[in-house]
Amino acid sequence: MKIIRKILFWGFFANLNSQITIMIDPAGDAKNVGRKIVESYERTITFKMAESLRQKIAEKYNFKIVFTRNPGEEVFDLQKASFANRLNVDFYLSLHIYRHEFAKPKVFVYNLVYNPVVDFANRSLDPYKFIPISQSHYLNINKTQLFGRSIRDYLSQEIFKNKFDFYGVYGIPIKSLVGVIAPALAIEVGICNEEQWKFLVDPIVDSLNFLNR
């Protein structure tokens, strides 16, 4: 059985640095272009959006932002999860974009849930022992829920009703979050043109203000 472990060495040194670390996972890689978006592809636009998020998050909060990939790299989902676990990141954000026909953008937020009854059952897990990949999200599932509600409460405000439609938080077996120990969410954005994502960056950045408390 494939397993992962939270490594003491990385956890110790990460805790010496109080700066919050967010890992952003822009969908796609060198071999996976993702969904077609007008004349471009998901891989390209998610990376552009991730770059914009990194710049604005660093400016607003002084958080450390790490990407799961660079342009031209091929990276598998479990490699990304392993990277996040070794760095002991504070928050993992998977970013996805698709094209739709509506003028107003749509924003969906997901977290990893296989079975609500099983996943949310009270249990005691030792983070320093071997944990099956399929159970790694158990360690911070309540914190993930808290993060998701904070983002939902901000993005579902009345001031944004005319700018985009918000949906979530939905618990689904989403592949891009499998194996990640840190609180992890996926944001999926529906846009009608290649530039529309730009209007969503500031609201998403502002929705992360709860991490700054």
N, C-alpha and C. Protein backbone atom coordinates (compact mmCIF):
# COMPACT_ATOMS: atom_id res chain seq x y z
N MET A 1 0.85 -1.19 0.00
CA MET A 1 0.00 0.00 0.00
C MET A 1 0.88 1.24 0.00
N LYS A 2 0.54 2.16 -0.87
CA LYS A 2 1.29 3.42 -0.92
C LYS A 2 1.03 4.22 0.35
N ILE A 3 2.08 4.77 0.91
CA ILE A 3 1.96 5.49 2.17
C ILE A 3 2.74 6.77 2.13
N ILE A 4 2.40 7.67 3.02
CA ILE A 4 3.14 8.91 3.17
C ILE A 4 3.44 9.12 4.63
N ARG A 5 4.40 9.95 4.92
CA ARG A 5 4.72 10.25 6.31
C ARG A 5 5.07 11.72 6.45
N LYS A 6 4.64 12.32 7.51
CA LYS A 6 5.01 13.69 7.83
C LYS A 6 6.38 13.63 8.49
N ILE A 7 7.38 14.21 7.90
CA ILE A 7 8.75 14.03 8.35
C ILE A 7 9.11 15.04 9.43
N LEU A 8 9.63 14.54 10.55
CA LEU A 8 9.95 15.39 11.69
C LEU A 8 10.94 16.49 11.34
N PHE A 9 11.93 16.15 10.53
CA PHE A 9 12.96 17.12 10.19
C PHE A 9 12.36 18.36 9.56
N TRP A 10 11.51 18.15 8.57
CA TRP A 10 10.90 19.29 7.87
C TRP A 10 9.95 20.04 8.78
N GLY A 11 9.18 19.30 9.58
CA GLY A 11 8.23 19.95 10.47
C GLY A 11 8.94 20.83 11.49
N PHE A 12 10.08 20.36 12.02
CA PHE A 12 10.80 21.13 13.02
C PHE A 12 11.30 22.45 12.45
N PHE A 13 11.95 22.39 11.30
CA PHE A 13 12.51 23.61 10.74
C PHE A 13 11.45 24.54 10.18
N ALA A 14 10.33 23.99 9.71
CA ALA A 14 9.24 24.85 9.25
C ALA A 14 8.68 25.65 10.41
N ASN A 15 8.62 25.03 11.59
CA ASN A 15 8.06 25.72 12.75
C ASN A 15 8.96 26.81 13.28
N LEU A 16 10.25 26.78 12.90
CA LEU A 16 11.15 27.84 13.31
C LEU A 16 10.84 29.14 12.59
N ASN A 17 10.17 29.02 11.45
CA ASN A 17 9.84 30.19 10.65
C ASN A 17 8.34 30.44 10.78
N SER A 18 7.97 31.56 11.38
CA SER A 18 6.56 31.83 11.64
C SER A 18 5.82 32.33 10.40
N GLN A 19 6.53 32.58 9.31
CA GLN A 19 5.89 33.06 8.10
C GLN A 19 4.97 31.98 7.53
N ILE A 20 3.75 32.34 7.23
CA ILE A 20 2.78 31.40 6.68
C ILE A 20 3.17 31.03 5.25
N THR A 21 3.10 29.74 4.95
CA THR A 21 3.45 29.25 3.61
C THR A 21 2.22 28.66 2.94
N ILE A 22 1.93 29.16 1.75
CA ILE A 22 0.84 28.64 0.93
C ILE A 22 1.43 28.00 -0.31
N MET A 23 0.99 26.79 -0.62
CA MET A 23 1.40 26.15 -1.87
C MET A 23 0.24 26.24 -2.85
N ILE A 24 0.52 26.80 -4.02
CA ILE A 24 -0.49 26.91 -5.08
C ILE A 24 -0.19 25.89 -6.17
N ASP A 25 -1.20 25.15 -6.54
CA ASP A 25 -1.08 24.11 -7.57
C ASP A 25 -1.88 24.51 -8.80
N PRO A 26 -1.24 25.16 -9.79
CA PRO A 26 -1.97 25.50 -11.02
C PRO A 26 -2.17 24.25 -11.88
N ALA A 27 -3.39 23.94 -12.21
CA ALA A 27 -3.70 22.71 -12.95
C ALA A 27 -2.92 22.62 -14.25
N GLY A 28 -2.56 21.38 -14.61
CA GLY A 28 -1.83 21.13 -15.85
C GLY A 28 -0.33 21.01 -15.61
N ASP A 29 0.36 20.52 -16.65
CA ASP A 29 1.82 20.47 -16.62
C ASP A 29 2.31 20.30 -18.05
N ALA A 30 3.57 19.92 -18.23
CA ALA A 30 4.16 19.86 -19.56
C ALA A 30 3.41 18.92 -20.50
N LYS A 31 2.82 17.85 -19.96
CA LYS A 31 2.14 16.87 -20.81
C LYS A 31 0.62 16.98 -20.76
N ASN A 32 0.10 17.76 -19.82
CA ASN A 32 -1.34 17.88 -19.66
C ASN A 32 -1.74 19.34 -19.83
N VAL A 33 -2.28 19.67 -21.00
CA VAL A 33 -2.64 21.07 -21.28
C VAL A 33 -3.95 21.47 -20.61
N GLY A 34 -4.74 20.48 -20.19
CA GLY A 34 -6.02 20.80 -19.57
C GLY A 34 -7.09 21.15 -20.59
N ARG A 35 -8.11 21.83 -20.12
CA ARG A 35 -9.26 22.14 -20.96
C ARG A 35 -9.00 23.34 -21.87
N LYS A 36 -9.63 23.32 -23.02
CA LYS A 36 -9.48 24.42 -23.98
C LYS A 36 -10.27 25.63 -23.49
N ILE A 37 -9.62 26.79 -23.52
CA ILE A 37 -10.27 28.04 -23.11
C ILE A 37 -10.04 29.05 -24.22
N VAL A 38 -11.02 29.18 -25.09
CA VAL A 38 -10.96 30.05 -26.28
C VAL A 38 -9.74 29.63 -27.10
N GLU A 39 -8.71 30.49 -27.19
CA GLU A 39 -7.53 30.17 -27.99
C GLU A 39 -6.37 29.66 -27.14
N SER A 40 -6.61 29.47 -25.86
CA SER A 40 -5.56 29.01 -24.96
C SER A 40 -6.00 27.72 -24.27
N TYR A 41 -5.23 27.33 -23.24
CA TYR A 41 -5.55 26.12 -22.49
C TYR A 41 -5.47 26.39 -20.99
N GLU A 42 -6.12 25.51 -20.26
CA GLU A 42 -6.17 25.63 -18.80
C GLU A 42 -4.77 25.73 -18.20
N ARG A 43 -3.84 24.92 -18.69
CA ARG A 43 -2.48 24.92 -18.15
C ARG A 43 -1.86 26.31 -18.15
N THR A 44 -2.03 27.04 -19.23
CA THR A 44 -1.42 28.37 -19.37
C THR A 44 -2.12 29.39 -18.48
N ILE A 45 -3.44 29.37 -18.48
CA ILE A 45 -4.19 30.39 -17.75
C ILE A 45 -4.12 30.18 -16.24
N THR A 46 -4.14 28.92 -15.79
CA THR A 46 -4.01 28.70 -14.35
C THR A 46 -2.65 29.20 -13.85
N PHE A 47 -1.62 29.04 -14.67
CA PHE A 47 -0.30 29.50 -14.23
C PHE A 47 -0.26 31.03 -14.16
N LYS A 48 -0.88 31.68 -15.14
CA LYS A 48 -0.95 33.14 -15.11
C LYS A 48 -1.70 33.63 -13.88
N MET A 49 -2.81 32.97 -13.59
CA MET A 49 -3.60 33.35 -12.43
C MET A 49 -2.82 33.09 -11.14
N ALA A 50 -2.11 31.98 -11.09
CA ALA A 50 -1.31 31.65 -9.92
C ALA A 50 -0.21 32.69 -9.69
N GLU A 51 0.41 33.13 -10.77
CA GLU A 51 1.45 34.17 -10.66
C GLU A 51 0.87 35.46 -10.11
N SER A 52 -0.31 35.83 -10.58
CA SER A 52 -0.95 37.04 -10.09
C SER A 52 -1.33 36.89 -8.62
N LEU A 53 -1.84 35.72 -8.24
CA LEU A 53 -2.18 35.46 -6.84
C LEU A 53 -0.93 35.54 -5.96
N ARG A 54 0.15 34.95 -6.44
CA ARG A 54 1.39 34.97 -5.66
C ARG A 54 1.85 36.40 -5.39
N GLN A 55 1.83 37.22 -6.41
CA GLN A 55 2.30 38.60 -6.26
C GLN A 55 1.42 39.37 -5.28
N LYS A 56 0.11 39.25 -5.44
CA LYS A 56 -0.79 40.05 -4.61
C LYS A 56 -0.89 39.52 -3.17
N ILE A 57 -0.79 38.21 -3.00
CA ILE A 57 -0.80 37.65 -1.65
C ILE A 57 0.46 38.07 -0.90
N ALA A 58 1.60 38.03 -1.59
CA ALA A 58 2.86 38.43 -0.96
C ALA A 58 2.83 39.91 -0.58
N GLU A 59 2.24 40.73 -1.45
CA GLU A 59 2.17 42.17 -1.17
C GLU A 59 1.23 42.48 0.00
N LYS A 60 0.10 41.79 0.04
CA LYS A 60 -0.92 42.10 1.05
C LYS A 60 -0.61 41.50 2.41
N TYR A 61 -0.07 40.26 2.41
CA TYR A 61 0.10 39.55 3.68
C TYR A 61 1.55 39.19 4.02
N ASN A 62 2.43 39.29 3.05
CA ASN A 62 3.81 38.84 3.25
C ASN A 62 3.89 37.34 3.55
N PHE A 63 2.97 36.57 2.97
CA PHE A 63 3.04 35.12 3.08
C PHE A 63 4.07 34.60 2.08
N LYS A 64 4.62 33.45 2.37
CA LYS A 64 5.50 32.77 1.42
C LYS A 64 4.65 31.92 0.49
N ILE A 65 4.84 32.09 -0.82
CA ILE A 65 4.06 31.34 -1.81
C ILE A 65 4.98 30.41 -2.59
N VAL A 66 4.59 29.15 -2.65
CA VAL A 66 5.36 28.14 -3.38
C VAL A 66 4.45 27.52 -4.43
N PHE A 67 4.99 27.27 -5.64
CA PHE A 67 4.22 26.60 -6.69
C PHE A 67 4.58 25.11 -6.73
N THR A 68 3.63 24.32 -7.19
CA THR A 68 3.89 22.89 -7.35
C THR A 68 4.66 22.58 -8.63
N ARG A 69 4.69 23.52 -9.54
CA ARG A 69 5.38 23.28 -10.81
C ARG A 69 5.86 24.57 -11.42
N ASN A 70 6.83 24.45 -12.31
CA ASN A 70 7.28 25.54 -13.16
C ASN A 70 6.83 25.26 -14.59
N PRO A 71 6.76 26.27 -15.44
CA PRO A 71 6.40 26.01 -16.83
C PRO A 71 7.36 25.00 -17.46
N GLY A 72 6.81 24.05 -18.20
CA GLY A 72 7.63 23.05 -18.87
C GLY A 72 7.91 21.81 -18.06
N GLU A 73 7.48 21.78 -16.79
CA GLU A 73 7.70 20.62 -15.94
C GLU A 73 6.52 19.65 -16.01
N GLU A 74 6.83 18.37 -15.90
CA GLU A 74 5.79 17.36 -15.75
C GLU A 74 5.82 16.89 -14.30
N VAL A 75 4.72 17.07 -13.59
CA VAL A 75 4.66 16.72 -12.17
C VAL A 75 3.37 15.95 -11.91
N PHE A 76 3.49 14.83 -11.21
CA PHE A 76 2.32 14.02 -10.88
C PHE A 76 1.70 14.52 -9.58
N ASP A 77 0.39 14.24 -9.43
CA ASP A 77 -0.34 14.75 -8.26
C ASP A 77 0.29 14.32 -6.95
N LEU A 78 0.70 13.06 -6.84
CA LEU A 78 1.27 12.58 -5.59
C LEU A 78 2.65 13.17 -5.32
N GLN A 79 3.36 13.56 -6.38
CA GLN A 79 4.62 14.29 -6.19
C GLN A 79 4.35 15.65 -5.56
N LYS A 80 3.29 16.30 -6.01
CA LYS A 80 2.92 17.60 -5.46
C LYS A 80 2.55 17.46 -3.98
N ALA A 81 1.77 16.43 -3.67
CA ALA A 81 1.37 16.19 -2.29
C ALA A 81 2.59 15.93 -1.41
N SER A 82 3.52 15.13 -1.91
CA SER A 82 4.73 14.83 -1.16
C SER A 82 5.54 16.10 -0.91
N PHE A 83 5.63 16.94 -1.91
CA PHE A 83 6.34 18.21 -1.80
C PHE A 83 5.71 19.09 -0.72
N ALA A 84 4.38 19.18 -0.74
CA ALA A 84 3.67 19.99 0.25
C ALA A 84 3.87 19.44 1.66
N ASN A 85 3.86 18.12 1.79
CA ASN A 85 4.03 17.52 3.11
C ASN A 85 5.43 17.70 3.66
N ARG A 86 6.42 17.62 2.80
CA ARG A 86 7.81 17.81 3.24
C ARG A 86 8.07 19.26 3.65
N LEU A 87 7.41 20.18 2.97
CA LEU A 87 7.57 21.60 3.32
C LEU A 87 6.70 22.00 4.50
N ASN A 88 5.78 21.12 4.88
CA ASN A 88 4.88 21.40 6.01
C ASN A 88 4.15 22.73 5.79
N VAL A 89 3.54 22.87 4.61
CA VAL A 89 2.86 24.13 4.26
C VAL A 89 1.64 24.33 5.15
N ASP A 90 1.22 25.58 5.26
CA ASP A 90 0.07 25.93 6.09
C ASP A 90 -1.25 25.79 5.35
N PHE A 91 -1.20 25.92 4.02
CA PHE A 91 -2.42 25.85 3.22
C PHE A 91 -2.05 25.44 1.81
N TYR A 92 -2.84 24.53 1.23
CA TYR A 92 -2.61 24.03 -0.12
C TYR A 92 -3.82 24.42 -0.97
N LEU A 93 -3.57 25.14 -2.06
CA LEU A 93 -4.65 25.62 -2.92
C LEU A 93 -4.45 25.10 -4.34
N SER A 94 -5.37 24.28 -4.79
CA SER A 94 -5.34 23.75 -6.15
C SER A 94 -6.24 24.61 -7.03
N LEU A 95 -5.70 25.05 -8.16
CA LEU A 95 -6.39 26.03 -9.00
C LEU A 95 -6.77 25.44 -10.35
N HIS A 96 -8.06 25.56 -10.71
CA HIS A 96 -8.58 24.99 -11.96
C HIS A 96 -9.44 26.03 -12.68
N ILE A 97 -9.42 25.99 -14.00
CA ILE A 97 -10.18 26.95 -14.80
C ILE A 97 -10.82 26.22 -15.99
N TYR A 98 -12.06 26.57 -16.28
CA TYR A 98 -12.72 26.02 -17.46
C TYR A 98 -13.48 27.13 -18.17
N ARG A 99 -13.86 26.88 -19.41
CA ARG A 99 -14.60 27.88 -20.19
C ARG A 99 -16.09 27.55 -20.14
N HIS A 100 -16.90 28.60 -19.94
CA HIS A 100 -18.35 28.44 -20.07
C HIS A 100 -18.90 29.56 -20.94
N GLU A 101 -20.19 29.52 -21.18
CA GLU A 101 -20.81 30.45 -22.13
C GLU A 101 -21.44 31.67 -21.46
N PHE A 102 -21.41 31.71 -20.14
CA PHE A 102 -22.07 32.79 -19.42
C PHE A 102 -21.17 34.02 -19.27
N ALA A 103 -21.78 35.19 -19.28
CA ALA A 103 -20.99 36.42 -19.16
C ALA A 103 -20.38 36.58 -17.77
N LYS A 104 -21.10 36.09 -16.75
CA LYS A 104 -20.62 36.24 -15.37
C LYS A 104 -19.80 35.02 -14.96
N PRO A 105 -18.62 35.24 -14.39
CA PRO A 105 -17.80 34.11 -13.95
C PRO A 105 -18.47 33.31 -12.84
N LYS A 106 -18.03 32.06 -12.70
CA LYS A 106 -18.48 31.21 -11.61
C LYS A 106 -17.27 30.75 -10.82
N VAL A 107 -17.42 30.70 -9.50
CA VAL A 107 -16.34 30.26 -8.62
C VAL A 107 -16.86 29.11 -7.77
N PHE A 108 -16.17 27.97 -7.85
CA PHE A 108 -16.52 26.79 -7.05
C PHE A 108 -15.37 26.48 -6.09
N VAL A 109 -15.69 26.05 -4.89
CA VAL A 109 -14.67 25.64 -3.93
C VAL A 109 -14.97 24.21 -3.49
N TYR A 110 -13.93 23.36 -3.51
CA TYR A 110 -14.07 21.96 -3.14
C TYR A 110 -13.04 21.57 -2.08
N ASN A 111 -13.39 20.57 -1.29
CA ASN A 111 -12.39 19.91 -0.46
C ASN A 111 -12.51 18.41 -0.65
N LEU A 112 -11.48 17.68 -0.26
CA LEU A 112 -11.44 16.24 -0.50
C LEU A 112 -12.28 15.51 0.55
N VAL A 113 -13.31 14.80 0.07
CA VAL A 113 -14.12 13.94 0.92
C VAL A 113 -14.48 12.70 0.09
N TYR A 114 -14.16 11.52 0.63
CA TYR A 114 -14.58 10.28 -0.01
C TYR A 114 -15.95 9.84 0.47
N ASN A 115 -16.09 9.81 1.80
CA ASN A 115 -17.34 9.39 2.43
C ASN A 115 -17.53 10.25 3.67
N PRO A 116 -18.54 11.12 3.71
CA PRO A 116 -18.70 12.03 4.84
C PRO A 116 -18.77 11.33 6.19
N VAL A 117 -19.45 10.18 6.25
CA VAL A 117 -19.58 9.46 7.52
C VAL A 117 -18.22 8.99 8.01
N VAL A 118 -17.43 8.45 7.10
CA VAL A 118 -16.11 7.92 7.47
C VAL A 118 -15.10 9.05 7.67
N ASP A 119 -15.06 9.99 6.73
CA ASP A 119 -14.04 11.03 6.76
C ASP A 119 -14.14 11.93 7.98
N PHE A 120 -15.37 12.21 8.44
CA PHE A 120 -15.55 13.13 9.56
C PHE A 120 -15.73 12.42 10.90
N ALA A 121 -15.53 11.11 10.92
CA ALA A 121 -15.64 10.37 12.18
C ALA A 121 -14.54 10.80 13.14
N ASN A 122 -14.86 10.85 14.41
CA ASN A 122 -13.86 11.20 15.42
C ASN A 122 -12.80 10.10 15.49
N ARG A 123 -11.56 10.50 15.38
CA ARG A 123 -10.46 9.54 15.44
C ARG A 123 -9.21 10.23 15.94
N SER A 124 -8.29 9.44 16.41
CA SER A 124 -7.00 9.96 16.87
C SER A 124 -5.91 9.40 15.97
N LEU A 125 -5.26 10.30 15.22
CA LEU A 125 -4.19 9.89 14.32
C LEU A 125 -2.87 10.51 14.76
N ASP A 126 -1.84 9.73 14.72
CA ASP A 126 -0.51 10.23 15.05
C ASP A 126 0.15 10.72 13.76
N PRO A 127 0.39 12.04 13.62
CA PRO A 127 0.95 12.57 12.37
C PRO A 127 2.38 12.12 12.10
N TYR A 128 3.03 11.49 13.09
CA TYR A 128 4.41 11.06 12.91
C TYR A 128 4.53 9.58 12.59
N LYS A 129 3.39 8.91 12.40
CA LYS A 129 3.40 7.52 11.98
C LYS A 129 2.95 7.43 10.53
N PHE A 130 3.20 6.28 9.93
CA PHE A 130 2.79 6.08 8.54
C PHE A 130 1.28 6.20 8.41
N ILE A 131 0.86 6.93 7.39
CA ILE A 131 -0.56 7.15 7.15
C ILE A 131 -0.86 6.83 5.68
N PRO A 132 -1.87 6.01 5.41
CA PRO A 132 -2.22 5.73 4.01
C PRO A 132 -2.57 7.02 3.27
N ILE A 133 -2.21 7.09 2.02
CA ILE A 133 -2.50 8.28 1.20
C ILE A 133 -3.99 8.62 1.25
N SER A 134 -4.82 7.62 1.22
CA SER A 134 -6.27 7.86 1.19
C SER A 134 -6.79 8.44 2.49
N GLN A 135 -5.96 8.45 3.55
CA GLN A 135 -6.39 8.98 4.84
C GLN A 135 -5.62 10.23 5.26
N SER A 136 -4.71 10.70 4.45
CA SER A 136 -3.86 11.83 4.84
C SER A 136 -4.67 13.10 5.13
N HIS A 137 -5.79 13.27 4.42
CA HIS A 137 -6.60 14.47 4.63
C HIS A 137 -7.36 14.45 5.95
N TYR A 138 -7.43 13.27 6.60
CA TYR A 138 -8.10 13.19 7.90
C TYR A 138 -7.44 14.10 8.94
N LEU A 139 -6.11 14.24 8.85
CA LEU A 139 -5.35 14.95 9.88
C LEU A 139 -5.81 16.39 10.08
N ASN A 140 -6.19 17.05 8.98
CA ASN A 140 -6.59 18.45 9.07
C ASN A 140 -7.96 18.71 8.45
N ILE A 141 -8.82 17.69 8.46
CA ILE A 141 -10.10 17.85 7.76
C ILE A 141 -10.97 18.92 8.42
N ASN A 142 -10.93 19.03 9.74
CA ASN A 142 -11.72 20.06 10.41
C ASN A 142 -11.18 21.46 10.12
N LYS A 143 -9.87 21.56 10.06
CA LYS A 143 -9.26 22.85 9.72
C LYS A 143 -9.55 23.22 8.27
N THR A 144 -9.55 22.22 7.41
CA THR A 144 -9.91 22.45 6.01
C THR A 144 -11.33 22.98 5.91
N GLN A 145 -12.24 22.40 6.67
CA GLN A 145 -13.62 22.87 6.69
C GLN A 145 -13.70 24.32 7.16
N LEU A 146 -12.93 24.65 8.18
CA LEU A 146 -12.90 26.02 8.69
C LEU A 146 -12.38 26.99 7.64
N PHE A 147 -11.30 26.61 6.95
CA PHE A 147 -10.75 27.45 5.88
C PHE A 147 -11.79 27.64 4.77
N GLY A 148 -12.45 26.55 4.41
CA GLY A 148 -13.45 26.62 3.35
C GLY A 148 -14.61 27.53 3.71
N ARG A 149 -15.07 27.44 4.95
CA ARG A 149 -16.17 28.31 5.38
C ARG A 149 -15.76 29.78 5.39
N SER A 150 -14.51 30.04 5.78
CA SER A 150 -14.03 31.43 5.79
C SER A 150 -14.01 32.01 4.39
N ILE A 151 -13.53 31.23 3.43
CA ILE A 151 -13.50 31.68 2.04
C ILE A 151 -14.93 31.84 1.51
N ARG A 152 -15.78 30.87 1.82
CA ARG A 152 -17.19 30.94 1.39
C ARG A 152 -17.88 32.18 1.95
N ASP A 153 -17.69 32.43 3.23
CA ASP A 153 -18.36 33.57 3.86
C ASP A 153 -17.94 34.89 3.23
N TYR A 154 -16.69 34.96 2.79
CA TYR A 154 -16.22 36.21 2.17
C TYR A 154 -16.72 36.32 0.73
N LEU A 155 -16.55 35.27 -0.06
CA LEU A 155 -16.87 35.35 -1.49
C LEU A 155 -18.37 35.32 -1.78
N SER A 156 -19.18 34.91 -0.81
CA SER A 156 -20.63 34.87 -1.03
C SER A 156 -21.33 36.14 -0.53
N GLN A 157 -20.55 37.16 -0.21
CA GLN A 157 -21.13 38.42 0.24
C GLN A 157 -21.94 39.10 -0.87
N GLU A 158 -22.87 39.93 -0.45
CA GLU A 158 -23.75 40.62 -1.40
C GLU A 158 -22.97 41.50 -2.38
N ILE A 159 -21.85 42.06 -1.95
CA ILE A 159 -21.08 42.97 -2.82
C ILE A 159 -20.53 42.27 -4.06
N PHE A 160 -20.48 40.94 -4.03
CA PHE A 160 -19.93 40.21 -5.17
C PHE A 160 -21.01 39.58 -6.06
N LYS A 161 -22.26 39.73 -5.69
CA LYS A 161 -23.34 39.05 -6.41
C LYS A 161 -23.39 39.41 -7.89
N ASN A 162 -23.07 40.67 -8.21
CA ASN A 162 -23.12 41.11 -9.61
C ASN A 162 -21.82 40.84 -10.36
N LYS A 163 -20.80 40.36 -9.63
CA LYS A 163 -19.49 40.15 -10.25
C LYS A 163 -19.23 38.70 -10.61
N PHE A 164 -19.68 37.79 -9.76
CA PHE A 164 -19.51 36.37 -10.03
C PHE A 164 -20.50 35.57 -9.18
N ASP A 165 -20.76 34.34 -9.61
CA ASP A 165 -21.60 33.42 -8.85
C ASP A 165 -20.70 32.49 -8.05
N PHE A 166 -21.01 32.32 -6.77
CA PHE A 166 -20.18 31.47 -5.91
C PHE A 166 -20.93 30.20 -5.52
N TYR A 167 -20.21 29.06 -5.52
CA TYR A 167 -20.79 27.77 -5.15
C TYR A 167 -19.82 27.01 -4.23
N GLY A 168 -20.35 26.37 -3.23
CA GLY A 168 -19.51 25.56 -2.35
C GLY A 168 -19.69 25.97 -0.89
N VAL A 169 -19.00 25.28 -0.05
CA VAL A 169 -17.89 24.37 -0.31
C VAL A 169 -18.44 22.95 -0.49
N TYR A 170 -17.96 22.23 -1.53
CA TYR A 170 -18.43 20.89 -1.83
C TYR A 170 -17.34 19.87 -1.49
N GLY A 171 -17.72 18.84 -0.74
CA GLY A 171 -16.80 17.75 -0.45
C GLY A 171 -16.93 16.67 -1.49
N ILE A 172 -15.88 16.46 -2.29
CA ILE A 172 -15.89 15.47 -3.36
C ILE A 172 -14.53 14.75 -3.40
N PRO A 173 -14.46 13.58 -4.02
CA PRO A 173 -13.17 12.87 -4.15
C PRO A 173 -12.31 13.47 -5.26
N ILE A 174 -11.80 14.65 -5.02
CA ILE A 174 -11.06 15.39 -6.04
C ILE A 174 -9.59 14.96 -6.06
N LYS A 175 -9.13 14.53 -7.20
CA LYS A 175 -7.81 13.91 -7.34
C LYS A 175 -6.66 14.84 -6.96
N SER A 176 -6.78 16.11 -7.28
CA SER A 176 -5.67 17.04 -7.09
C SER A 176 -5.33 17.30 -5.63
N LEU A 177 -6.19 16.87 -4.69
CA LEU A 177 -5.95 17.10 -3.27
C LEU A 177 -5.55 15.83 -2.52
N VAL A 178 -5.52 14.70 -3.22
CA VAL A 178 -5.21 13.43 -2.58
C VAL A 178 -3.76 13.42 -2.06
N GLY A 179 -3.60 13.00 -0.82
CA GLY A 179 -2.26 12.85 -0.25
C GLY A 179 -1.75 14.06 0.49
N VAL A 180 -2.46 15.18 0.42
CA VAL A 180 -2.01 16.41 1.08
C VAL A 180 -2.45 16.39 2.54
N ILE A 181 -1.50 16.61 3.44
CA ILE A 181 -1.80 16.62 4.87
C ILE A 181 -2.34 17.98 5.32
N ALA A 182 -1.79 19.06 4.79
CA ALA A 182 -2.20 20.41 5.19
C ALA A 182 -3.66 20.67 4.83
N PRO A 183 -4.30 21.65 5.46
CA PRO A 183 -5.63 22.07 4.99
C PRO A 183 -5.56 22.36 3.50
N ALA A 184 -6.44 21.75 2.73
CA ALA A 184 -6.33 21.82 1.27
C ALA A 184 -7.69 22.05 0.63
N LEU A 185 -7.74 23.01 -0.28
CA LEU A 185 -8.96 23.32 -1.01
C LEU A 185 -8.64 23.46 -2.49
N ALA A 186 -9.64 23.24 -3.31
CA ALA A 186 -9.52 23.47 -4.75
C ALA A 186 -10.50 24.57 -5.13
N ILE A 187 -10.03 25.52 -5.92
CA ILE A 187 -10.89 26.56 -6.49
C ILE A 187 -10.97 26.33 -7.99
N GLU A 188 -12.19 26.22 -8.49
CA GLU A 188 -12.42 26.07 -9.92
C GLU A 188 -13.20 27.27 -10.41
N VAL A 189 -12.70 27.88 -11.47
CA VAL A 189 -13.27 29.12 -11.99
C VAL A 189 -13.80 28.89 -13.40
N GLY A 190 -15.02 29.31 -13.64
CA GLY A 190 -15.60 29.27 -14.97
C GLY A 190 -15.59 30.65 -15.59
N ILE A 191 -14.97 30.79 -16.77
CA ILE A 191 -14.84 32.09 -17.43
C ILE A 191 -15.25 31.97 -18.90
N CYS A 192 -15.60 33.10 -19.50
CA CYS A 192 -16.04 33.07 -20.90
C CYS A 192 -14.96 33.58 -21.86
N ASN A 193 -13.88 34.14 -21.32
CA ASN A 193 -12.77 34.57 -22.17
C ASN A 193 -11.46 34.43 -21.41
N GLU A 194 -10.35 34.58 -22.11
CA GLU A 194 -9.04 34.29 -21.53
C GLU A 194 -8.58 35.30 -20.49
N GLU A 195 -9.22 36.45 -20.41
CA GLU A 195 -8.79 37.50 -19.49
C GLU A 195 -9.69 37.65 -18.27
N GLN A 196 -10.81 36.97 -18.25
CA GLN A 196 -11.82 37.22 -17.21
C GLN A 196 -11.35 36.81 -15.81
N TRP A 197 -10.40 35.90 -15.73
CA TRP A 197 -9.89 35.47 -14.43
C TRP A 197 -9.29 36.63 -13.63
N LYS A 198 -8.83 37.67 -14.33
CA LYS A 198 -8.15 38.78 -13.68
C LYS A 198 -9.06 39.49 -12.67
N PHE A 199 -10.38 39.50 -12.95
CA PHE A 199 -11.32 40.17 -12.06
C PHE A 199 -11.57 39.39 -10.77
N LEU A 200 -11.10 38.14 -10.72
CA LEU A 200 -11.34 37.29 -9.56
C LEU A 200 -10.16 37.23 -8.60
N VAL A 201 -9.03 37.71 -9.03
CA VAL A 201 -7.82 37.60 -8.21
C VAL A 201 -7.95 38.35 -6.90
N ASP A 202 -8.34 39.62 -6.95
CA ASP A 202 -8.44 40.43 -5.73
C ASP A 202 -9.43 39.84 -4.72
N PRO A 203 -10.65 39.45 -5.13
CA PRO A 203 -11.55 38.83 -4.16
C PRO A 203 -10.98 37.56 -3.52
N ILE A 204 -10.32 36.74 -4.31
CA ILE A 204 -9.73 35.51 -3.76
C ILE A 204 -8.62 35.85 -2.77
N VAL A 205 -7.78 36.81 -3.12
CA VAL A 205 -6.72 37.24 -2.21
C VAL A 205 -7.31 37.77 -0.92
N ASP A 206 -8.32 38.60 -1.01
CA ASP A 206 -8.94 39.18 0.18
C ASP A 206 -9.63 38.11 1.03
N SER A 207 -10.10 37.04 0.40
CA SER A 207 -10.79 35.98 1.14
C SER A 207 -9.84 35.20 2.03
N LEU A 208 -8.53 35.37 1.82
CA LEU A 208 -7.53 34.66 2.62
C LEU A 208 -7.10 35.43 3.86
N ASN A 209 -7.81 36.50 4.14
CA ASN A 209 -7.44 37.34 5.28
C ASN A 209 -7.49 36.59 6.61
N PHE A 210 -8.29 35.53 6.70
CA PHE A 210 -8.39 34.75 7.93
C PHE A 210 -7.05 34.12 8.31
N LEU A 211 -6.18 33.87 7.32
CA LEU A 211 -4.87 33.30 7.60
C LEU A 211 -3.93 34.28 8.28
N ASN A 212 -4.27 35.55 8.21
CA ASN A 212 -3.40 36.60 8.72
C ASN A 212 -3.69 36.91 10.20
N ARG A 213 -4.62 36.21 10.79
CA ARG A 213 -5.03 36.52 12.18
C ARG A 213 -4.22 35.71 13.18
